[in-house]
Amino acid sequence: RRPLRSPLSKVLYRRMPDDAEAAARELFAALRAFDAQGAN
């Protein structure tokens, strides 16, 4: 949720919503997207 002061170019970054319902709605899709992008 917090904006990172200096996100690194080699790190995949996605902002979590501040609203709990919005965060729940996208949670599993976000994790699947990280898997699809090759995160380990």
PDB file of all heavy atoms in Angstrom:
ATOM      1  N   ARG A   1       0.829  -1.210   0.000  1.00  0.00           N
ATOM      2  CA  ARG A   1       0.000   0.000   0.000  1.00  0.00           C
ATOM      3  C   ARG A   1       0.859   1.254   0.000  1.00  0.00           C
ATOM      4  O   ARG A   1       0.525   2.249  -0.623  1.00  0.00           O
ATOM      5  CB  ARG A   1      -0.921   0.026   1.238  1.00  0.00           C
ATOM      6  CG  ARG A   1      -1.941  -1.093   1.261  1.00  0.00           C
ATOM      7  CD  ARG A   1      -2.847  -1.007   2.465  1.00  0.00           C
ATOM      8  NE  ARG A   1      -2.132  -0.712   3.688  1.00  0.00           N
ATOM      9  CZ  ARG A   1      -1.379  -1.595   4.339  1.00  0.00           C
ATOM     10  NH1 ARG A   1      -1.233  -2.813   3.867  1.00  0.00           N
ATOM     11  NH2 ARG A   1      -0.760  -1.249   5.447  1.00  0.00           N
ATOM     12  N   ARG A   2       1.942   1.229   0.735  1.00  0.00           N
ATOM     13  CA  ARG A   2       2.779   2.426   0.802  1.00  0.00           C
ATOM     14  C   ARG A   2       3.572   2.606  -0.489  1.00  0.00           C
ATOM     15  O   ARG A   2       4.077   1.640  -1.069  1.00  0.00           O
ATOM     16  CB  ARG A   2       3.735   2.355   1.992  1.00  0.00           C
ATOM     17  CG  ARG A   2       4.794   1.284   1.902  1.00  0.00           C
ATOM     18  CD  ARG A   2       5.964   1.549   2.842  1.00  0.00           C
ATOM     19  NE  ARG A   2       5.527   1.769   4.205  1.00  0.00           N
ATOM     20  CZ  ARG A   2       6.303   2.305   5.148  1.00  0.00           C
ATOM     21  NH1 ARG A   2       7.541   2.663   4.869  1.00  0.00           N
ATOM     22  NH2 ARG A   2       5.857   2.464   6.369  1.00  0.00           N
ATOM     23  N   PRO A   3       3.686   3.840  -0.960  1.00  0.00           N
ATOM     24  CA  PRO A   3       4.542   4.067  -2.131  1.00  0.00           C
ATOM     25  C   PRO A   3       6.002   3.922  -1.723  1.00  0.00           C
ATOM     26  O   PRO A   3       6.427   4.463  -0.700  1.00  0.00           O
ATOM     27  CB  PRO A   3       4.209   5.506  -2.535  1.00  0.00           C
ATOM     28  CG  PRO A   3       3.673   6.142  -1.301  1.00  0.00           C
ATOM     29  CD  PRO A   3       3.012   5.067  -0.501  1.00  0.00           C
ATOM     30  N   LEU A   4       6.768   3.183  -2.494  1.00  0.00           N
ATOM     31  CA  LEU A   4       8.185   3.009  -2.172  1.00  0.00           C
ATOM     32  C   LEU A   4       8.959   4.242  -2.585  1.00  0.00           C
ATOM     33  O   LEU A   4       8.687   4.856  -3.610  1.00  0.00           O
ATOM     34  CB  LEU A   4       8.722   1.771  -2.897  1.00  0.00           C
ATOM     35  CG  LEU A   4       8.016   0.458  -2.530  1.00  0.00           C
ATOM     36  CD1 LEU A   4       8.584  -0.680  -3.343  1.00  0.00           C
ATOM     37  CD2 LEU A   4       8.124   0.185  -1.048  1.00  0.00           C
ATOM     38  N   ARG A   5       9.928   4.590  -1.768  1.00  0.00           N
ATOM     39  CA  ARG A   5      10.684   5.813  -2.048  1.00  0.00           C
ATOM     40  C   ARG A   5      11.521   5.692  -3.306  1.00  0.00           C
ATOM     41  O   ARG A   5      11.694   6.651  -4.026  1.00  0.00           O
ATOM     42  CB  ARG A   5      11.572   6.149  -0.840  1.00  0.00           C
ATOM     43  CG  ARG A   5      10.798   6.648   0.370  1.00  0.00           C
ATOM     44  CD  ARG A   5      11.736   7.199   1.416  1.00  0.00           C
ATOM     45  NE  ARG A   5      12.610   6.179   1.965  1.00  0.00           N
ATOM     46  CZ  ARG A   5      12.295   5.395   2.999  1.00  0.00           C
ATOM     47  NH1 ARG A   5      11.105   5.514   3.571  1.00  0.00           N
ATOM     48  NH2 ARG A   5      13.147   4.502   3.457  1.00  0.00           N
ATOM     49  N   SER A   6      12.053   4.489  -3.539  1.00  0.00           N
ATOM     50  CA  SER A   6      12.902   4.317  -4.729  1.00  0.00           C
ATOM     51  C   SER A   6      12.737   2.903  -5.275  1.00  0.00           C
ATOM     52  O   SER A   6      13.604   2.058  -5.075  1.00  0.00           O
ATOM     53  CB  SER A   6      14.368   4.588  -4.378  1.00  0.00           C
ATOM     54  OG  SER A   6      14.769   3.748  -3.304  1.00  0.00           O
ATOM     55  N   PRO A   7      11.606   2.620  -5.943  1.00  0.00           N
ATOM     56  CA  PRO A   7      11.420   1.285  -6.513  1.00  0.00           C
ATOM     57  C   PRO A   7      12.562   0.939  -7.465  1.00  0.00           C
ATOM     58  O   PRO A   7      13.002   1.776  -8.254  1.00  0.00           O
ATOM     59  CB  PRO A   7      10.094   1.395  -7.272  1.00  0.00           C
ATOM     60  CG  PRO A   7       9.437   2.617  -6.751  1.00  0.00           C
ATOM     61  CD  PRO A   7      10.507   3.524  -6.267  1.00  0.00           C
ATOM     62  N   LEU A   8      13.044  -0.280  -7.381  1.00  0.00           N
ATOM     63  CA  LEU A   8      14.157  -0.701  -8.214  1.00  0.00           C
ATOM     64  C   LEU A   8      13.640  -1.200  -9.558  1.00  0.00           C
ATOM     65  O   LEU A   8      12.601  -1.846  -9.633  1.00  0.00           O
ATOM     66  CB  LEU A   8      14.945  -1.805  -7.504  1.00  0.00           C
ATOM     67  CG  LEU A   8      15.463  -1.424  -6.107  1.00  0.00           C
ATOM     68  CD1 LEU A   8      16.041  -2.645  -5.423  1.00  0.00           C
ATOM     69  CD2 LEU A   8      16.499  -0.323  -6.217  1.00  0.00           C
ATOM     70  N   SER A   9      14.376  -0.956 -10.585  1.00  0.00           N
ATOM     71  CA  SER A   9      13.917  -1.307 -11.926  1.00  0.00           C
ATOM     72  C   SER A   9      13.797  -2.814 -12.122  1.00  0.00           C
ATOM     73  O   SER A   9      13.040  -3.270 -12.971  1.00  0.00           O
ATOM     74  CB  SER A   9      14.874  -0.729 -12.973  1.00  0.00           C
ATOM     75  OG  SER A   9      16.181  -1.251 -12.788  1.00  0.00           O
ATOM     76  N   LYS A  10      14.547  -3.589 -11.347  1.00  0.00           N
ATOM     77  CA  LYS A  10      14.513  -5.039 -11.491  1.00  0.00           C
ATOM     78  C   LYS A  10      13.473  -5.704 -10.590  1.00  0.00           C
ATOM     79  O   LYS A  10      13.400  -6.921 -10.514  1.00  0.00           O
ATOM     80  CB  LYS A  10      15.894  -5.631 -11.176  1.00  0.00           C
ATOM     81  CG  LYS A  10      16.998  -5.157 -12.108  1.00  0.00           C
ATOM     82  CD  LYS A  10      16.765  -5.648 -13.527  1.00  0.00           C
ATOM     83  CE  LYS A  10      17.935  -5.253 -14.426  1.00  0.00           C
ATOM     84  NZ  LYS A  10      17.747  -5.735 -15.806  1.00  0.00           N
ATOM     85  N   VAL A  11      12.680  -4.900  -9.890  1.00  0.00           N
ATOM     86  CA  VAL A  11      11.662  -5.433  -8.994  1.00  0.00           C
ATOM     87  C   VAL A  11      10.280  -5.120  -9.576  1.00  0.00           C
ATOM     88  O   VAL A  11       9.996  -3.984  -9.953  1.00  0.00           O
ATOM     89  CB  VAL A  11      11.798  -4.837  -7.584  1.00  0.00           C
ATOM     90  CG1 VAL A  11      10.638  -5.265  -6.692  1.00  0.00           C
ATOM     91  CG2 VAL A  11      13.122  -5.257  -6.957  1.00  0.00           C
ATOM     92  N   LEU A  12       9.413  -6.131  -9.648  1.00  0.00           N
ATOM     93  CA  LEU A  12       8.041  -5.922 -10.093  1.00  0.00           C
ATOM     94  C   LEU A  12       7.261  -5.278  -8.951  1.00  0.00           C
ATOM     95  O   LEU A  12       7.305  -5.752  -7.825  1.00  0.00           O
ATOM     96  CB  LEU A  12       7.394  -7.258 -10.473  1.00  0.00           C
ATOM     97  CG  LEU A  12       8.124  -8.099 -11.522  1.00  0.00           C
ATOM     98  CD1 LEU A  12       7.471  -9.475 -11.644  1.00  0.00           C
ATOM     99  CD2 LEU A  12       8.121  -7.382 -12.863  1.00  0.00           C
ATOM    100  N   TYR A  13       6.568  -4.204  -9.234  1.00  0.00           N
ATOM    101  CA  TYR A  13       5.865  -3.487  -8.173  1.00  0.00           C
ATOM    102  C   TYR A  13       4.402  -3.280  -8.558  1.00  0.00           C
ATOM    103  O   TYR A  13       4.094  -2.898  -9.688  1.00  0.00           O
ATOM    104  CB  TYR A  13       6.516  -2.127  -7.914  1.00  0.00           C
ATOM    105  CG  TYR A  13       5.781  -1.284  -6.897  1.00  0.00           C
ATOM    106  CD1 TYR A  13       5.880  -1.563  -5.540  1.00  0.00           C
ATOM    107  CD2 TYR A  13       4.979  -0.220  -7.295  1.00  0.00           C
ATOM    108  CE1 TYR A  13       5.188  -0.803  -4.602  1.00  0.00           C
ATOM    109  CE2 TYR A  13       4.284   0.543  -6.365  1.00  0.00           C
ATOM    110  CZ  TYR A  13       4.395   0.246  -5.022  1.00  0.00           C
ATOM    111  OH  TYR A  13       3.707   0.987  -4.105  1.00  0.00           O
ATOM    112  N   ARG A  14       3.514  -3.535  -7.593  1.00  0.00           N
ATOM    113  CA  ARG A  14       2.092  -3.270  -7.779  1.00  0.00           C
ATOM    114  C   ARG A  14       1.549  -2.716  -6.470  1.00  0.00           C
ATOM    115  O   ARG A  14       1.824  -3.247  -5.393  1.00  0.00           O
ATOM    116  CB  ARG A  14       1.350  -4.551  -8.166  1.00  0.00           C
ATOM    117  CG  ARG A  14      -0.153  -4.365  -8.357  1.00  0.00           C
ATOM    118  CD  ARG A  14      -0.742  -5.548  -9.083  1.00  0.00           C
ATOM    119  NE  ARG A  14      -2.191  -5.460  -9.205  1.00  0.00           N
ATOM    120  CZ  ARG A  14      -2.910  -6.173 -10.063  1.00  0.00           C
ATOM    121  NH1 ARG A  14      -2.304  -7.011 -10.886  1.00  0.00           N
ATOM    122  NH2 ARG A  14      -4.222  -6.055 -10.115  1.00  0.00           N
ATOM    123  N   ARG A  15       0.774  -1.649  -6.575  1.00  0.00           N
ATOM    124  CA  ARG A  15       0.257  -1.017  -5.371  1.00  0.00           C
ATOM    125  C   ARG A  15      -1.023  -1.709  -4.921  1.00  0.00           C
ATOM    126  O   ARG A  15      -1.950  -1.920  -5.697  1.00  0.00           O
ATOM    127  CB  ARG A  15      -0.018   0.470  -5.600  1.00  0.00           C
ATOM    128  CG  ARG A  15      -0.254   1.230  -4.297  1.00  0.00           C
ATOM    129  CD  ARG A  15      -0.387   2.731  -4.538  1.00  0.00           C
ATOM    130  NE  ARG A  15      -0.417   3.443  -3.270  1.00  0.00           N
ATOM    131  CZ  ARG A  15      -1.476   3.532  -2.470  1.00  0.00           C
ATOM    132  NH1 ARG A  15      -2.611   2.923  -2.816  1.00  0.00           N
ATOM    133  NH2 ARG A  15      -1.423   4.187  -1.329  1.00  0.00           N
ATOM    134  N   MET A  16      -1.072  -2.085  -3.633  1.00  0.00           N
ATOM    135  CA  MET A  16      -2.272  -2.663  -3.039  1.00  0.00           C
ATOM    136  C   MET A  16      -3.251  -1.529  -2.732  1.00  0.00           C
ATOM    137  O   MET A  16      -2.855  -0.487  -2.207  1.00  0.00           O
ATOM    138  CB  MET A  16      -1.917  -3.402  -1.735  1.00  0.00           C
ATOM    139  CG  MET A  16      -3.104  -4.055  -1.040  1.00  0.00           C
ATOM    140  SD  MET A  16      -2.687  -4.712   0.614  1.00  0.00           S
ATOM    141  CE  MET A  16      -1.518  -5.999   0.191  1.00  0.00           C
ATOM    142  N   PRO A  17      -4.529  -1.706  -3.047  1.00  0.00           N
ATOM    143  CA  PRO A  17      -5.511  -0.658  -2.729  1.00  0.00           C
ATOM    144  C   PRO A  17      -5.583  -0.374  -1.235  1.00  0.00           C
ATOM    145  O   PRO A  17      -5.352  -1.260  -0.404  1.00  0.00           O
ATOM    146  CB  PRO A  17      -6.827  -1.245  -3.240  1.00  0.00           C
ATOM    147  CG  PRO A  17      -6.440  -2.239  -4.275  1.00  0.00           C
ATOM    148  CD  PRO A  17      -5.142  -2.816  -3.802  1.00  0.00           C
ATOM    149  N   ASP A  18      -5.915   0.869  -0.895  1.00  0.00           N
ATOM    150  CA  ASP A  18      -6.092   1.239   0.516  1.00  0.00           C
ATOM    151  C   ASP A  18      -7.422   0.743   1.073  1.00  0.00           C
ATOM    152  O   ASP A  18      -7.588   0.613   2.280  1.00  0.00           O
ATOM    153  CB  ASP A  18      -6.017   2.768   0.677  1.00  0.00           C
ATOM    154  CG  ASP A  18      -4.635   3.306   0.372  1.00  0.00           C
ATOM    155  OD1 ASP A  18      -3.647   2.663   0.766  1.00  0.00           O
ATOM    156  OD2 ASP A  18      -4.535   4.374  -0.261  1.00  0.00           O
ATOM    157  N   ASP A  19      -8.383   0.488   0.192  1.00  0.00           N
ATOM    158  CA  ASP A  19      -9.700   0.018   0.595  1.00  0.00           C
ATOM    159  C   ASP A  19      -9.697  -1.508   0.674  1.00  0.00           C
ATOM    160  O   ASP A  19      -9.248  -2.187  -0.250  1.00  0.00           O
ATOM    161  CB  ASP A  19     -10.737   0.494  -0.426  1.00  0.00           C
ATOM    162  CG  ASP A  19     -12.116  -0.068  -0.148  1.00  0.00           C
ATOM    163  OD1 ASP A  19     -12.762   0.397   0.804  1.00  0.00           O
ATOM    164  OD2 ASP A  19     -12.537  -0.984  -0.882  1.00  0.00           O
ATOM    165  N   ALA A  20     -10.206  -2.066   1.776  1.00  0.00           N
ATOM    166  CA  ALA A  20     -10.149  -3.506   1.998  1.00  0.00           C
ATOM    167  C   ALA A  20     -10.930  -4.282   0.943  1.00  0.00           C
ATOM    168  O   ALA A  20     -10.469  -5.327   0.466  1.00  0.00           O
ATOM    169  CB  ALA A  20     -10.661  -3.847   3.391  1.00  0.00           C
ATOM    170  N   GLU A  21     -12.113  -3.804   0.567  1.00  0.00           N
ATOM    171  CA  GLU A  21     -12.917  -4.526  -0.424  1.00  0.00           C
ATOM    172  C   GLU A  21     -12.228  -4.516  -1.781  1.00  0.00           C
ATOM    173  O   GLU A  21     -12.250  -5.523  -2.497  1.00  0.00           O
ATOM    174  CB  GLU A  21     -14.317  -3.929  -0.508  1.00  0.00           C
ATOM    175  CG  GLU A  21     -15.170  -4.226   0.720  1.00  0.00           C
ATOM    176  CD  GLU A  21     -16.634  -3.883   0.515  1.00  0.00           C
ATOM    177  OE1 GLU A  21     -16.992  -3.435  -0.597  1.00  0.00           O
ATOM    178  OE2 GLU A  21     -17.414  -4.072   1.461  1.00  0.00           O
ATOM    179  N   ALA A  22     -11.624  -3.396  -2.143  1.00  0.00           N
ATOM    180  CA  ALA A  22     -10.912  -3.335  -3.418  1.00  0.00           C
ATOM    181  C   ALA A  22      -9.687  -4.253  -3.396  1.00  0.00           C
ATOM    182  O   ALA A  22      -9.372  -4.916  -4.397  1.00  0.00           O
ATOM    183  CB  ALA A  22     -10.492  -1.898  -3.719  1.00  0.00           C
ATOM    184  N   ALA A  23      -8.997  -4.308  -2.258  1.00  0.00           N
ATOM    185  CA  ALA A  23      -7.833  -5.190  -2.131  1.00  0.00           C
ATOM    186  C   ALA A  23      -8.242  -6.652  -2.252  1.00  0.00           C
ATOM    187  O   ALA A  23      -7.571  -7.446  -2.923  1.00  0.00           O
ATOM    188  CB  ALA A  23      -7.130  -4.944  -0.801  1.00  0.00           C
ATOM    189  N   ALA A  24      -9.355  -7.021  -1.623  1.00  0.00           N
ATOM    190  CA  ALA A  24      -9.843  -8.400  -1.728  1.00  0.00           C
ATOM    191  C   ALA A  24     -10.201  -8.737  -3.167  1.00  0.00           C
ATOM    192  O   ALA A  24      -9.897  -9.837  -3.656  1.00  0.00           O
ATOM    193  CB  ALA A  24     -11.061  -8.589  -0.827  1.00  0.00           C
ATOM    194  N   ARG A  25     -10.835  -7.797  -3.846  1.00  0.00           N
ATOM    195  CA  ARG A  25     -11.298  -8.036  -5.211  1.00  0.00           C
ATOM    196  C   ARG A  25     -10.138  -8.362  -6.152  1.00  0.00           C
ATOM    197  O   ARG A  25     -10.278  -9.184  -7.051  1.00  0.00           O
ATOM    198  CB  ARG A  25     -12.060  -6.811  -5.709  1.00  0.00           C
ATOM    199  CG  ARG A  25     -12.756  -6.988  -7.046  1.00  0.00           C
ATOM    200  CD  ARG A  25     -13.526  -5.730  -7.418  1.00  0.00           C
ATOM    201  NE  ARG A  25     -14.489  -5.372  -6.377  1.00  0.00           N
ATOM    202  CZ  ARG A  25     -14.483  -4.232  -5.706  1.00  0.00           C
ATOM    203  NH1 ARG A  25     -13.562  -3.302  -5.968  1.00  0.00           N
ATOM    204  NH2 ARG A  25     -15.379  -4.005  -4.774  1.00  0.00           N
ATOM    205  N   GLU A  26      -8.981  -7.724  -5.953  1.00  0.00           N
ATOM    206  CA  GLU A  26      -7.883  -7.918  -6.893  1.00  0.00           C
ATOM    207  C   GLU A  26      -6.782  -8.827  -6.374  1.00  0.00           C
ATOM    208  O   GLU A  26      -5.826  -9.118  -7.092  1.00  0.00           O
ATOM    209  CB  GLU A  26      -7.283  -6.568  -7.282  1.00  0.00           C
ATOM    210  CG  GLU A  26      -6.399  -5.925  -6.222  1.00  0.00           C
ATOM    211  CD  GLU A  26      -5.565  -4.774  -6.789  1.00  0.00           C
ATOM    212  OE1 GLU A  26      -6.130  -3.969  -7.539  1.00  0.00           O
ATOM    213  OE2 GLU A  26      -4.360  -4.703  -6.466  1.00  0.00           O
ATOM    214  N   LEU A  27      -6.888  -9.306  -5.112  1.00  0.00           N
ATOM    215  CA  LEU A  27      -5.785 -10.026  -4.486  1.00  0.00           C
ATOM    216  C   LEU A  27      -5.314 -11.217  -5.302  1.00  0.00           C
ATOM    217  O   LEU A  27      -4.132 -11.338  -5.650  1.00  0.00           O
ATOM    218  CB  LEU A  27      -6.189 -10.489  -3.087  1.00  0.00           C
ATOM    219  CG  LEU A  27      -5.173 -11.372  -2.358  1.00  0.00           C
ATOM    220  CD1 LEU A  27      -3.860 -10.625  -2.136  1.00  0.00           C
ATOM    221  CD2 LEU A  27      -5.743 -11.874  -1.039  1.00  0.00           C
ATOM    222  N   PHE A  28      -6.207 -12.146  -5.609  1.00  0.00           N
ATOM    223  CA  PHE A  28      -5.787 -13.367  -6.300  1.00  0.00           C
ATOM    224  C   PHE A  28      -5.324 -13.071  -7.724  1.00  0.00           C
ATOM    225  O   PHE A  28      -4.391 -13.708  -8.226  1.00  0.00           O
ATOM    226  CB  PHE A  28      -6.925 -14.378  -6.309  1.00  0.00           C
ATOM    227  CG  PHE A  28      -7.220 -14.971  -4.949  1.00  0.00           C
ATOM    228  CD1 PHE A  28      -8.517 -15.284  -4.582  1.00  0.00           C
ATOM    229  CD2 PHE A  28      -6.210 -15.212  -4.037  1.00  0.00           C
ATOM    230  CE1 PHE A  28      -8.795 -15.840  -3.345  1.00  0.00           C
ATOM    231  CE2 PHE A  28      -6.473 -15.751  -2.785  1.00  0.00           C
ATOM    232  CZ  PHE A  28      -7.771 -16.070  -2.437  1.00  0.00           C
ATOM    233  N   ALA A  29      -5.962 -12.110  -8.375  1.00  0.00           N
ATOM    234  CA  ALA A  29      -5.520 -11.734  -9.720  1.00  0.00           C
ATOM    235  C   ALA A  29      -4.109 -11.159  -9.683  1.00  0.00           C
ATOM    236  O   ALA A  29      -3.293 -11.412 -10.583  1.00  0.00           O
ATOM    237  CB  ALA A  29      -6.492 -10.738 -10.338  1.00  0.00           C
ATOM    238  N   ALA A  30      -3.802 -10.379  -8.642  1.00  0.00           N
ATOM    239  CA  ALA A  30      -2.459  -9.805  -8.511  1.00  0.00           C
ATOM    240  C   ALA A  30      -1.417 -10.900  -8.317  1.00  0.00           C
ATOM    241  O   ALA A  30      -0.340 -10.872  -8.930  1.00  0.00           O
ATOM    242  CB  ALA A  30      -2.432  -8.818  -7.346  1.00  0.00           C
ATOM    243  N   LEU A  31      -1.706 -11.878  -7.457  1.00  0.00           N
ATOM    244  CA  LEU A  31      -0.753 -12.971  -7.233  1.00  0.00           C
ATOM    245  C   LEU A  31      -0.560 -13.793  -8.503  1.00  0.00           C
ATOM    246  O   LEU A  31       0.566 -14.190  -8.829  1.00  0.00           O
ATOM    247  CB  LEU A  31      -1.237 -13.859  -6.086  1.00  0.00           C
ATOM    248  CG  LEU A  31      -1.356 -13.186  -4.711  1.00  0.00           C
ATOM    249  CD1 LEU A  31      -1.801 -14.202  -3.662  1.00  0.00           C
ATOM    250  CD2 LEU A  31      -0.057 -12.516  -4.293  1.00  0.00           C
ATOM    251  N   ARG A  32      -1.650 -14.039  -9.231  1.00  0.00           N
ATOM    252  CA  ARG A  32      -1.533 -14.773 -10.489  1.00  0.00           C
ATOM    253  C   ARG A  32      -0.699 -13.985 -11.505  1.00  0.00           C
ATOM    254  O   ARG A  32       0.087 -14.560 -12.271  1.00  0.00           O
ATOM    255  CB  ARG A  32      -2.921 -15.059 -11.059  1.00  0.00           C
ATOM    256  CG  ARG A  32      -3.641 -16.210 -10.369  1.00  0.00           C
ATOM    257  CD  ARG A  32      -5.040 -16.407 -10.933  1.00  0.00           C
ATOM    258  NE  ARG A  32      -5.646 -17.624 -10.416  1.00  0.00           N
ATOM    259  CZ  ARG A  32      -5.516 -18.823 -10.955  1.00  0.00           C
ATOM    260  NH1 ARG A  32      -4.810 -18.958 -12.072  1.00  0.00           N
ATOM    261  NH2 ARG A  32      -6.086 -19.872 -10.415  1.00  0.00           N
ATOM    262  N   ALA A  33      -0.877 -12.665 -11.525  1.00  0.00           N
ATOM    263  CA  ALA A  33      -0.121 -11.846 -12.470  1.00  0.00           C
ATOM    264  C   ALA A  33       1.375 -11.894 -12.158  1.00  0.00           C
ATOM    265  O   ALA A  33       2.208 -11.978 -13.079  1.00  0.00           O
ATOM    266  CB  ALA A  33      -0.618 -10.406 -12.429  1.00  0.00           C
ATOM    267  N   PHE A  34       1.731 -11.881 -10.872  1.00  0.00           N
ATOM    268  CA  PHE A  34       3.149 -11.985 -10.506  1.00  0.00           C
ATOM    269  C   PHE A  34       3.724 -13.327 -10.952  1.00  0.00           C
ATOM    270  O   PHE A  34       4.851 -13.395 -11.457  1.00  0.00           O
ATOM    271  CB  PHE A  34       3.330 -11.819  -8.993  1.00  0.00           C
ATOM    272  CG  PHE A  34       3.188 -10.395  -8.501  1.00  0.00           C
ATOM    273  CD1 PHE A  34       2.585 -10.130  -7.281  1.00  0.00           C
ATOM    274  CD2 PHE A  34       3.688  -9.330  -9.235  1.00  0.00           C
ATOM    275  CE1 PHE A  34       2.463  -8.824  -6.810  1.00  0.00           C
ATOM    276  CE2 PHE A  34       3.573  -8.020  -8.781  1.00  0.00           C
ATOM    277  CZ  PHE A  34       2.958  -7.768  -7.566  1.00  0.00           C
ATOM    278  N   ASP A  35       2.963 -14.403 -10.763  1.00  0.00           N
ATOM    279  CA  ASP A  35       3.421 -15.706 -11.251  1.00  0.00           C
ATOM    280  C   ASP A  35       3.634 -15.667 -12.765  1.00  0.00           C
ATOM    281  O   ASP A  35       4.642 -16.162 -13.275  1.00  0.00           O
ATOM    282  CB  ASP A  35       2.380 -16.781 -10.914  1.00  0.00           C
ATOM    283  CG  ASP A  35       2.580 -17.400  -9.532  1.00  0.00           C
ATOM    284  OD1 ASP A  35       3.678 -17.254  -8.963  1.00  0.00           O
ATOM    285  OD2 ASP A  35       1.632 -18.034  -9.028  1.00  0.00           O
ATOM    286  N   ALA A  36       2.688 -15.072 -13.484  1.00  0.00           N
ATOM    287  CA  ALA A  36       2.788 -15.017 -14.938  1.00  0.00           C
ATOM    288  C   ALA A  36       3.988 -14.196 -15.398  1.00  0.00           C
ATOM    289  O   ALA A  36       4.548 -14.449 -16.472  1.00  0.00           O
ATOM    290  CB  ALA A  36       1.503 -14.438 -15.531  1.00  0.00           C
ATOM    291  N   GLN A  37       4.390 -13.209 -14.586  1.00  0.00           N
ATOM    292  CA  GLN A  37       5.543 -12.376 -14.924  1.00  0.00           C
ATOM    293  C   GLN A  37       6.869 -13.018 -14.530  1.00  0.00           C
ATOM    294  O   GLN A  37       7.930 -12.425 -14.735  1.00  0.00           O
ATOM    295  CB  GLN A  37       5.410 -11.011 -14.246  1.00  0.00           C
ATOM    296  CG  GLN A  37       4.298 -10.146 -14.823  1.00  0.00           C
ATOM    297  CD  GLN A  37       4.103  -8.869 -14.015  1.00  0.00           C
ATOM    298  OE1 GLN A  37       3.509  -8.883 -12.939  1.00  0.00           O
ATOM    299  NE2 GLN A  37       4.619  -7.763 -14.527  1.00  0.00           N
ATOM    300  N   GLY A  38       6.813 -14.200 -13.956  1.00  0.00           N
ATOM    301  CA  GLY A  38       8.034 -14.927 -13.632  1.00  0.00           C
ATOM    302  C   GLY A  38       8.611 -14.671 -12.263  1.00  0.00           C
ATOM    303  O   GLY A  38       9.764 -15.051 -11.994  1.00  0.00           O
ATOM    304  N   ALA A  39       7.857 -14.048 -11.378  1.00  0.00           N
ATOM    305  CA  ALA A  39       8.363 -13.817 -10.021  1.00  0.00           C
ATOM    306  C   ALA A  39       8.555 -15.143  -9.304  1.00  0.00           C
ATOM    307  O   ALA A  39       7.754 -16.065  -9.443  1.00  0.00           O
ATOM    308  CB  ALA A  39       7.395 -12.941  -9.238  1.00  0.00           C
ATOM    309  N   ASN A  40       9.644 -15.256  -8.539  1.00  0.00           N
ATOM    310  CA  ASN A  40       9.771 -16.419  -7.666  1.00  0.00           C
ATOM    311  C   ASN A  40       9.836 -16.033  -6.196  1.00  0.00           C
ATOM    312  O   ASN A  40       9.895 -16.905  -5.323  1.00  0.00           O
ATOM    313  CB  ASN A  40      10.962 -17.311  -8.050  1.00  0.00           C
ATOM    314  CG  ASN A  40      12.213 -16.511  -8.336  1.00  0.00           C
ATOM    315  OD1 ASN A  40      12.400 -15.431  -7.795  1.00  0.00           O
ATOM    316  ND2 ASN A  40      13.056 -17.056  -9.193  1.00  0.00           N
TER     317      ASN A  40
END
